Amino acid sequence: MRQPVRPSHRGFARSMRAHATKAETMLWQALRNRQLNGLKFKRQVPLDGFILDFVCFEARLIIEVDGSQHADSQGDVVRDRHFEAHSFRILRFWNEEVERNLDAVCEAILQETKGRG
């Protein structure tokens, strides 16, 4: 599954880290440095031609924080199927959901990781 990362993807991921949305920044503050149950998350990770908002490889969990542009996105469906075929689980949260109830988002992430990792 691991493939060499194209320099353009690496640069785009770096740019996305530098220009994160408010919701992404809030969630990163809760996930970084193994603060959430000792799980190691990375952010804006280029993988298989996609850029993942957050990923915990040990738990095989991808977390996406989406704005309205992702509503009914066929690209997201294709992407999710690709990673599900490689034994990843995907959690998607709306920006507003993260901003209004970060504790509930973190609890949902913990529930998803129970028994994995």
N, C-alpha and C. Protein backbone atom coordinates (compact mmCIF):
# COMPACT_ATOMS: atom_id res chain seq x y z
N MET A 1 0.82 -1.19 0.00
CA MET A 1 0.00 0.00 0.00
C MET A 1 0.86 1.25 0.00
N ARG A 2 1.94 1.28 0.75
CA ARG A 2 2.81 2.45 0.80
C ARG A 2 3.46 2.67 -0.55
N GLN A 3 3.35 3.87 -1.05
CA GLN A 3 3.96 4.22 -2.32
C GLN A 3 4.78 5.48 -2.11
N PRO A 4 5.75 5.73 -2.98
CA PRO A 4 6.49 6.98 -2.86
C PRO A 4 5.52 8.16 -3.00
N VAL A 5 5.75 9.19 -2.22
CA VAL A 5 4.89 10.36 -2.23
C VAL A 5 5.43 11.35 -3.26
N ARG A 6 4.54 11.77 -4.15
CA ARG A 6 4.94 12.77 -5.15
C ARG A 6 5.29 14.07 -4.44
N PRO A 7 6.33 14.75 -4.88
CA PRO A 7 6.71 16.02 -4.26
C PRO A 7 5.56 17.03 -4.21
N SER A 8 4.70 17.04 -5.23
CA SER A 8 3.58 17.98 -5.22
C SER A 8 2.60 17.67 -4.08
N HIS A 9 2.38 16.37 -3.81
CA HIS A 9 1.50 15.99 -2.69
C HIS A 9 2.13 16.35 -1.35
N ARG A 10 3.43 16.12 -1.25
CA ARG A 10 4.13 16.43 -0.01
C ARG A 10 4.03 17.94 0.27
N GLY A 11 4.24 18.75 -0.75
CA GLY A 11 4.15 20.20 -0.60
C GLY A 11 2.74 20.66 -0.27
N PHE A 12 1.75 20.03 -0.92
CA PHE A 12 0.36 20.39 -0.65
C PHE A 12 -0.02 20.03 0.78
N ALA A 13 0.40 18.87 1.24
CA ALA A 13 0.12 18.46 2.62
C ALA A 13 0.76 19.43 3.61
N ARG A 14 1.98 19.83 3.33
CA ARG A 14 2.67 20.80 4.19
C ARG A 14 1.89 22.12 4.24
N SER A 15 1.41 22.55 3.09
CA SER A 15 0.63 23.79 3.02
C SER A 15 -0.68 23.66 3.80
N MET A 16 -1.31 22.50 3.71
CA MET A 16 -2.57 22.28 4.44
C MET A 16 -2.33 22.28 5.95
N ARG A 17 -1.18 21.79 6.39
CA ARG A 17 -0.87 21.85 7.82
C ARG A 17 -0.71 23.30 8.27
N ALA A 18 -0.10 24.10 7.42
CA ALA A 18 0.14 25.50 7.77
C ALA A 18 -1.13 26.34 7.70
N HIS A 19 -2.11 25.91 6.92
CA HIS A 19 -3.34 26.68 6.74
C HIS A 19 -4.56 25.87 7.15
N ALA A 20 -4.50 25.25 8.30
CA ALA A 20 -5.59 24.40 8.79
C ALA A 20 -6.83 25.23 9.12
N THR A 21 -7.99 24.60 9.00
CA THR A 21 -9.22 25.25 9.40
C THR A 21 -9.28 25.33 10.93
N LYS A 22 -10.18 26.13 11.43
CA LYS A 22 -10.35 26.24 12.89
C LYS A 22 -10.67 24.87 13.50
N ALA A 23 -11.57 24.14 12.85
CA ALA A 23 -11.95 22.82 13.36
C ALA A 23 -10.77 21.85 13.35
N GLU A 24 -9.98 21.86 12.28
CA GLU A 24 -8.81 20.98 12.22
C GLU A 24 -7.80 21.33 13.31
N THR A 25 -7.61 22.61 13.54
CA THR A 25 -6.68 23.05 14.59
C THR A 25 -7.18 22.62 15.97
N MET A 26 -8.47 22.78 16.21
CA MET A 26 -9.03 22.36 17.50
C MET A 26 -8.85 20.86 17.72
N LEU A 27 -9.17 20.07 16.71
CA LEU A 27 -9.05 18.63 16.86
C LEU A 27 -7.59 18.22 17.00
N TRP A 28 -6.70 18.86 16.26
CA TRP A 28 -5.28 18.52 16.37
C TRP A 28 -4.77 18.78 17.78
N GLN A 29 -5.23 19.85 18.42
CA GLN A 29 -4.80 20.13 19.78
C GLN A 29 -5.23 19.02 20.75
N ALA A 30 -6.33 18.35 20.44
CA ALA A 30 -6.80 17.24 21.28
C ALA A 30 -6.10 15.92 20.96
N LEU A 31 -5.62 15.77 19.72
CA LEU A 31 -5.03 14.50 19.29
C LEU A 31 -3.51 14.45 19.41
N ARG A 32 -2.87 15.58 19.30
CA ARG A 32 -1.40 15.60 19.19
C ARG A 32 -0.72 15.10 20.47
N ASN A 33 0.51 14.66 20.32
CA ASN A 33 1.34 14.19 21.43
C ASN A 33 0.70 13.06 22.24
N ARG A 34 -0.02 12.20 21.55
CA ARG A 34 -0.64 11.03 22.20
C ARG A 34 -1.57 11.40 23.36
N GLN A 35 -2.20 12.56 23.26
CA GLN A 35 -3.08 13.02 24.34
C GLN A 35 -4.38 12.24 24.44
N LEU A 36 -4.80 11.63 23.35
CA LEU A 36 -6.07 10.91 23.36
C LEU A 36 -5.77 9.41 23.52
N ASN A 37 -5.82 8.96 24.76
CA ASN A 37 -5.66 7.55 25.09
C ASN A 37 -4.34 6.95 24.58
N GLY A 38 -3.31 7.78 24.45
CA GLY A 38 -2.00 7.31 24.04
C GLY A 38 -1.87 6.99 22.55
N LEU A 39 -2.88 7.34 21.75
CA LEU A 39 -2.86 7.04 20.33
C LEU A 39 -2.01 8.05 19.57
N LYS A 40 -1.20 7.57 18.65
CA LYS A 40 -0.31 8.42 17.85
C LYS A 40 -1.02 8.81 16.56
N PHE A 41 -1.41 10.07 16.47
CA PHE A 41 -2.04 10.59 15.26
C PHE A 41 -1.05 11.46 14.50
N LYS A 42 -1.18 11.44 13.19
CA LYS A 42 -0.45 12.36 12.31
C LYS A 42 -1.50 13.16 11.56
N ARG A 43 -1.11 14.34 11.09
CA ARG A 43 -2.08 15.16 10.36
C ARG A 43 -1.58 15.49 8.96
N GLN A 44 -2.57 15.67 8.07
CA GLN A 44 -2.31 16.00 6.67
C GLN A 44 -1.23 15.08 6.09
N VAL A 45 -1.55 13.80 6.08
CA VAL A 45 -0.61 12.77 5.64
C VAL A 45 -0.91 12.37 4.19
N PRO A 46 0.06 12.53 3.29
CA PRO A 46 -0.15 12.04 1.92
C PRO A 46 0.01 10.52 1.89
N LEU A 47 -1.00 9.84 1.33
CA LEU A 47 -0.97 8.38 1.26
C LEU A 47 -1.79 7.91 0.07
N ASP A 48 -1.18 7.12 -0.78
CA ASP A 48 -1.86 6.52 -1.93
C ASP A 48 -2.55 7.55 -2.83
N GLY A 49 -1.95 8.70 -3.00
CA GLY A 49 -2.53 9.72 -3.87
C GLY A 49 -3.59 10.59 -3.22
N PHE A 50 -3.81 10.39 -1.94
CA PHE A 50 -4.78 11.19 -1.18
C PHE A 50 -4.05 11.88 -0.04
N ILE A 51 -4.67 12.91 0.52
CA ILE A 51 -4.13 13.53 1.72
C ILE A 51 -5.16 13.36 2.83
N LEU A 52 -4.75 12.68 3.90
CA LEU A 52 -5.63 12.37 5.01
C LEU A 52 -5.53 13.47 6.05
N ASP A 53 -6.68 13.94 6.55
CA ASP A 53 -6.65 14.98 7.58
C ASP A 53 -5.89 14.50 8.80
N PHE A 54 -6.31 13.35 9.35
CA PHE A 54 -5.66 12.75 10.51
C PHE A 54 -5.66 11.25 10.32
N VAL A 55 -4.57 10.60 10.76
CA VAL A 55 -4.51 9.15 10.67
C VAL A 55 -3.77 8.61 11.88
N CYS A 56 -4.28 7.50 12.40
CA CYS A 56 -3.61 6.74 13.44
C CYS A 56 -3.35 5.37 12.82
N PHE A 57 -2.09 5.12 12.43
CA PHE A 57 -1.77 3.88 11.76
C PHE A 57 -1.94 2.67 12.67
N GLU A 58 -1.62 2.82 13.97
CA GLU A 58 -1.72 1.68 14.87
C GLU A 58 -3.16 1.23 15.05
N ALA A 59 -4.11 2.15 14.99
CA ALA A 59 -5.53 1.80 15.12
C ALA A 59 -6.21 1.66 13.75
N ARG A 60 -5.45 1.90 12.66
CA ARG A 60 -5.99 1.84 11.29
C ARG A 60 -7.23 2.73 11.18
N LEU A 61 -7.10 3.96 11.67
CA LEU A 61 -8.22 4.91 11.71
C LEU A 61 -7.85 6.20 11.02
N ILE A 62 -8.72 6.62 10.11
CA ILE A 62 -8.60 7.89 9.41
C ILE A 62 -9.73 8.79 9.90
N ILE A 63 -9.39 10.03 10.20
CA ILE A 63 -10.39 11.00 10.62
C ILE A 63 -10.37 12.15 9.63
N GLU A 64 -11.53 12.47 9.09
CA GLU A 64 -11.68 13.58 8.17
C GLU A 64 -12.58 14.63 8.81
N VAL A 65 -12.17 15.87 8.70
CA VAL A 65 -12.96 17.01 9.19
C VAL A 65 -13.36 17.80 7.95
N ASP A 66 -14.65 17.80 7.66
CA ASP A 66 -15.13 18.31 6.38
C ASP A 66 -15.98 19.56 6.50
N GLY A 67 -15.88 20.38 5.47
CA GLY A 67 -16.76 21.53 5.30
C GLY A 67 -17.86 21.15 4.33
N SER A 68 -18.71 22.10 4.02
CA SER A 68 -19.88 21.83 3.18
C SER A 68 -19.52 21.37 1.77
N GLN A 69 -18.31 21.66 1.30
CA GLN A 69 -17.91 21.23 -0.04
C GLN A 69 -17.85 19.70 -0.15
N HIS A 70 -17.86 19.01 0.97
CA HIS A 70 -17.79 17.55 0.96
C HIS A 70 -19.17 16.89 0.99
N ALA A 71 -20.23 17.66 1.09
CA ALA A 71 -21.57 17.07 1.12
C ALA A 71 -21.83 16.32 -0.18
N ASP A 72 -22.19 15.07 -0.06
CA ASP A 72 -22.50 14.22 -1.21
C ASP A 72 -21.34 14.10 -2.20
N SER A 73 -20.12 14.10 -1.71
CA SER A 73 -18.95 14.04 -2.58
C SER A 73 -18.67 12.61 -3.03
N GLN A 74 -18.74 12.39 -4.34
CA GLN A 74 -18.43 11.07 -4.89
C GLN A 74 -16.94 10.75 -4.72
N GLY A 75 -16.10 11.79 -4.74
CA GLY A 75 -14.67 11.58 -4.52
C GLY A 75 -14.40 11.00 -3.15
N ASP A 76 -15.15 11.47 -2.15
CA ASP A 76 -14.98 10.94 -0.79
C ASP A 76 -15.42 9.48 -0.72
N VAL A 77 -16.45 9.12 -1.46
CA VAL A 77 -16.93 7.74 -1.48
C VAL A 77 -15.85 6.82 -2.05
N VAL A 78 -15.25 7.23 -3.16
CA VAL A 78 -14.19 6.45 -3.80
C VAL A 78 -13.00 6.31 -2.85
N ARG A 79 -12.62 7.41 -2.25
CA ARG A 79 -11.49 7.43 -1.33
C ARG A 79 -11.74 6.52 -0.13
N ASP A 80 -12.94 6.62 0.47
CA ASP A 80 -13.28 5.79 1.62
C ASP A 80 -13.22 4.31 1.26
N ARG A 81 -13.75 3.96 0.11
CA ARG A 81 -13.72 2.55 -0.32
C ARG A 81 -12.29 2.06 -0.47
N HIS A 82 -11.44 2.92 -1.03
CA HIS A 82 -10.03 2.54 -1.21
C HIS A 82 -9.40 2.19 0.14
N PHE A 83 -9.58 3.06 1.12
CA PHE A 83 -8.94 2.82 2.42
C PHE A 83 -9.62 1.72 3.22
N GLU A 84 -10.93 1.58 3.08
CA GLU A 84 -11.62 0.47 3.74
C GLU A 84 -11.13 -0.87 3.19
N ALA A 85 -10.80 -0.91 1.89
CA ALA A 85 -10.27 -2.13 1.29
C ALA A 85 -8.89 -2.48 1.85
N HIS A 86 -8.24 -1.49 2.47
CA HIS A 86 -6.94 -1.71 3.10
C HIS A 86 -7.06 -1.72 4.63
N SER A 87 -8.25 -2.09 5.11
CA SER A 87 -8.52 -2.29 6.54
C SER A 87 -8.46 -1.03 7.40
N PHE A 88 -8.68 0.12 6.81
CA PHE A 88 -8.82 1.35 7.60
C PHE A 88 -10.29 1.60 7.87
N ARG A 89 -10.57 2.22 8.98
CA ARG A 89 -11.90 2.74 9.27
C ARG A 89 -11.82 4.24 9.11
N ILE A 90 -12.92 4.84 8.68
CA ILE A 90 -12.95 6.28 8.44
C ILE A 90 -14.05 6.90 9.27
N LEU A 91 -13.69 7.93 10.02
CA LEU A 91 -14.67 8.74 10.74
C LEU A 91 -14.69 10.11 10.09
N ARG A 92 -15.87 10.62 9.81
CA ARG A 92 -16.02 11.95 9.23
C ARG A 92 -16.83 12.83 10.19
N PHE A 93 -16.31 14.01 10.40
CA PHE A 93 -17.00 14.99 11.23
C PHE A 93 -17.11 16.28 10.44
N TRP A 94 -18.20 17.01 10.63
CA TRP A 94 -18.35 18.33 10.04
C TRP A 94 -17.56 19.33 10.87
N ASN A 95 -17.05 20.36 10.21
CA ASN A 95 -16.33 21.42 10.91
C ASN A 95 -17.12 21.93 12.10
N GLU A 96 -18.39 22.22 11.88
CA GLU A 96 -19.24 22.78 12.94
C GLU A 96 -19.36 21.82 14.12
N GLU A 97 -19.42 20.55 13.85
CA GLU A 97 -19.52 19.53 14.89
C GLU A 97 -18.29 19.57 15.80
N VAL A 98 -17.11 19.68 15.19
CA VAL A 98 -15.87 19.75 15.97
C VAL A 98 -15.83 21.04 16.78
N GLU A 99 -16.20 22.15 16.16
CA GLU A 99 -16.14 23.44 16.83
C GLU A 99 -17.13 23.55 17.98
N ARG A 100 -18.29 22.94 17.84
CA ARG A 100 -19.33 23.06 18.88
C ARG A 100 -19.24 22.01 19.98
N ASN A 101 -18.69 20.83 19.64
CA ASN A 101 -18.71 19.76 20.64
C ASN A 101 -17.48 18.86 20.50
N LEU A 102 -16.33 19.42 20.74
CA LEU A 102 -15.07 18.69 20.62
C LEU A 102 -15.03 17.47 21.53
N ASP A 103 -15.58 17.59 22.72
CA ASP A 103 -15.57 16.46 23.65
C ASP A 103 -16.32 15.26 23.07
N ALA A 104 -17.46 15.48 22.45
CA ALA A 104 -18.22 14.38 21.85
C ALA A 104 -17.47 13.77 20.67
N VAL A 105 -16.78 14.59 19.90
CA VAL A 105 -15.97 14.10 18.78
C VAL A 105 -14.86 13.20 19.32
N CYS A 106 -14.18 13.65 20.34
CA CYS A 106 -13.10 12.84 20.94
C CYS A 106 -13.65 11.54 21.52
N GLU A 107 -14.81 11.59 22.12
CA GLU A 107 -15.43 10.38 22.66
C GLU A 107 -15.77 9.40 21.53
N ALA A 108 -16.27 9.91 20.41
CA ALA A 108 -16.58 9.04 19.26
C ALA A 108 -15.30 8.39 18.73
N ILE A 109 -14.21 9.14 18.71
CA ILE A 109 -12.93 8.59 18.26
C ILE A 109 -12.47 7.48 19.22
N LEU A 110 -12.58 7.73 20.51
CA LEU A 110 -12.20 6.72 21.51
C LEU A 110 -13.04 5.46 21.36
N GLN A 111 -14.33 5.63 21.16
CA GLN A 111 -15.22 4.47 20.99
C GLN A 111 -14.82 3.66 19.77
N GLU A 112 -14.44 4.34 18.71
CA GLU A 112 -14.05 3.65 17.47
C GLU A 112 -12.73 2.88 17.64
N THR A 113 -11.87 3.36 18.51
CA THR A 113 -10.55 2.73 18.67
C THR A 113 -10.55 1.63 19.74
N LYS A 114 -11.60 1.49 20.49
CA LYS A 114 -11.62 0.44 21.52
C LYS A 114 -11.42 -0.92 20.89
N GLY A 115 -10.48 -1.65 21.46
CA GLY A 115 -10.21 -2.99 20.96
C GLY A 115 -9.29 -3.05 19.77
N ARG A 116 -8.82 -1.89 19.29
CA ARG A 116 -7.90 -1.85 18.14
C ARG A 116 -6.65 -1.10 18.56
N GLY A 117 -5.57 -1.36 17.86
CA GLY A 117 -4.35 -0.58 18.10
C GLY A 117 -3.36 -1.27 18.95
